[in-house]
Amino acid sequence: PIKAYFNGTAGQSFGVWNAGGVELYLTGDANDYVGKGMAGGLIAIRPPVGSAFRSHEASIIGNTCLYGATGGRLYAAGRAGERFGVR
């Protein structure tokens, strides 16, 4: 697979239209539309090591994530906003 590693805030539409064989790893957070239209591949988002907050209590991805997605995997170490996984 093709693997790409990112740090920081990804902004809007991280991993949009992700396809099989592509793995995206983000240490940080992302805004709305993570994985929009995703058909395959993997997206993993986690907070930085040593973060002062509890990841299971804080939002790490925004609204409308996985909108229209039909495949792939998303791992997000935290909460998501509204309209998660709408098809």
Protein backbone atom coordinates (compact mmCIF):
# COMPACT_ATOMS: atom_id res chain seq x y z
CA PRO A 1 0.00 0.00 0.00
CA ILE A 2 0.88 3.67 -0.35
CA LYS A 3 1.31 5.14 3.15
CA ALA A 4 1.33 8.87 3.93
CA TYR A 5 1.92 10.42 7.35
CA PHE A 6 0.73 13.89 8.40
CA ASN A 7 0.96 16.08 11.52
CA GLY A 8 -1.20 18.99 12.66
CA THR A 9 -4.68 20.11 11.68
CA ALA A 10 -5.74 18.66 8.33
CA GLY A 11 -8.62 21.06 7.66
CA GLN A 12 -11.56 20.18 5.41
CA SER A 13 -11.99 16.92 3.45
CA PHE A 14 -8.97 14.94 4.68
CA GLY A 15 -8.89 11.67 2.75
CA VAL A 16 -11.69 12.63 0.37
CA TRP A 17 -12.28 9.89 -2.26
CA ASN A 18 -9.66 7.63 -0.67
CA ALA A 19 -9.15 4.40 -2.62
CA GLY A 20 -7.95 0.89 -1.92
CA GLY A 21 -4.23 0.62 -1.31
CA VAL A 22 -3.92 4.13 0.18
CA GLU A 23 -3.33 4.54 3.92
CA LEU A 24 -3.42 8.02 5.49
CA TYR A 25 -2.15 8.52 9.04
CA LEU A 26 -2.74 11.85 10.81
CA THR A 27 -1.39 12.84 14.20
CA GLY A 28 -3.54 15.83 15.08
CA ASP A 29 -7.14 16.57 14.10
CA ALA A 30 -9.29 17.25 11.06
CA ASN A 31 -12.34 19.35 10.26
CA ASP A 32 -15.47 18.39 8.33
CA TYR A 33 -15.90 15.80 5.56
CA VAL A 34 -13.12 13.37 6.58
CA GLY A 35 -13.32 10.39 4.22
CA LYS A 36 -16.04 11.91 2.02
CA GLY A 37 -16.83 9.52 -0.84
CA MET A 38 -14.22 7.03 0.36
CA ALA A 39 -14.32 3.74 -1.57
CA GLY A 40 -11.41 1.94 0.10
CA GLY A 41 -8.14 2.36 1.91
CA LEU A 42 -7.55 3.45 5.47
CA ILE A 43 -7.65 6.73 7.40
CA ALA A 44 -6.29 6.82 10.97
CA ILE A 45 -6.43 9.97 13.10
CA ARG A 46 -5.03 10.26 16.61
CA PRO A 47 -4.00 13.06 18.96
CA PRO A 48 -0.33 13.78 19.56
CA VAL A 49 1.43 11.75 22.24
CA GLY A 50 1.23 13.56 25.57
CA SER A 51 -1.94 15.53 24.77
CA ALA A 52 -3.45 17.14 27.87
CA PHE A 53 -7.02 16.05 27.01
CA ARG A 54 -8.73 12.66 27.08
CA SER A 55 -9.21 11.71 23.45
CA HIS A 56 -12.42 9.76 24.09
CA GLU A 57 -14.03 12.96 25.44
CA ALA A 58 -12.86 15.41 22.75
CA SER A 59 -13.74 15.85 19.08
CA ILE A 60 -10.96 14.83 16.73
CA ILE A 61 -12.96 14.98 13.48
CA GLY A 62 -15.71 17.40 12.46
CA ASN A 63 -19.16 17.12 10.93
CA THR A 64 -20.38 15.01 8.01
CA CYS A 65 -17.48 12.57 8.03
CA LEU A 66 -17.73 9.55 5.68
CA TYR A 67 -20.48 11.31 3.71
CA GLY A 68 -21.31 9.02 0.78
CA ALA A 69 -18.53 6.56 1.66
CA THR A 70 -18.97 3.01 0.38
CA GLY A 71 -15.82 1.29 1.63
CA GLY A 72 -12.54 1.53 3.46
CA ARG A 73 -11.76 1.95 7.15
CA LEU A 74 -11.67 5.00 9.42
CA TYR A 75 -10.06 4.91 12.85
CA ALA A 76 -10.49 8.12 14.86
CA ALA A 77 -9.24 8.28 18.46
CA GLY A 78 -11.89 10.72 19.66
CA ARG A 79 -15.38 11.95 18.97
CA ALA A 80 -16.95 12.91 15.66
CA GLY A 81 -19.32 15.78 14.94
CA GLU A 82 -22.87 15.53 13.61
CA ARG A 83 -24.12 13.58 10.55
CA PHE A 84 -21.45 10.89 10.83
CA GLY A 85 -21.57 8.19 8.13
CA VAL A 86 -24.53 9.56 6.14
CA ARG A 87 -24.91 7.80 2.80
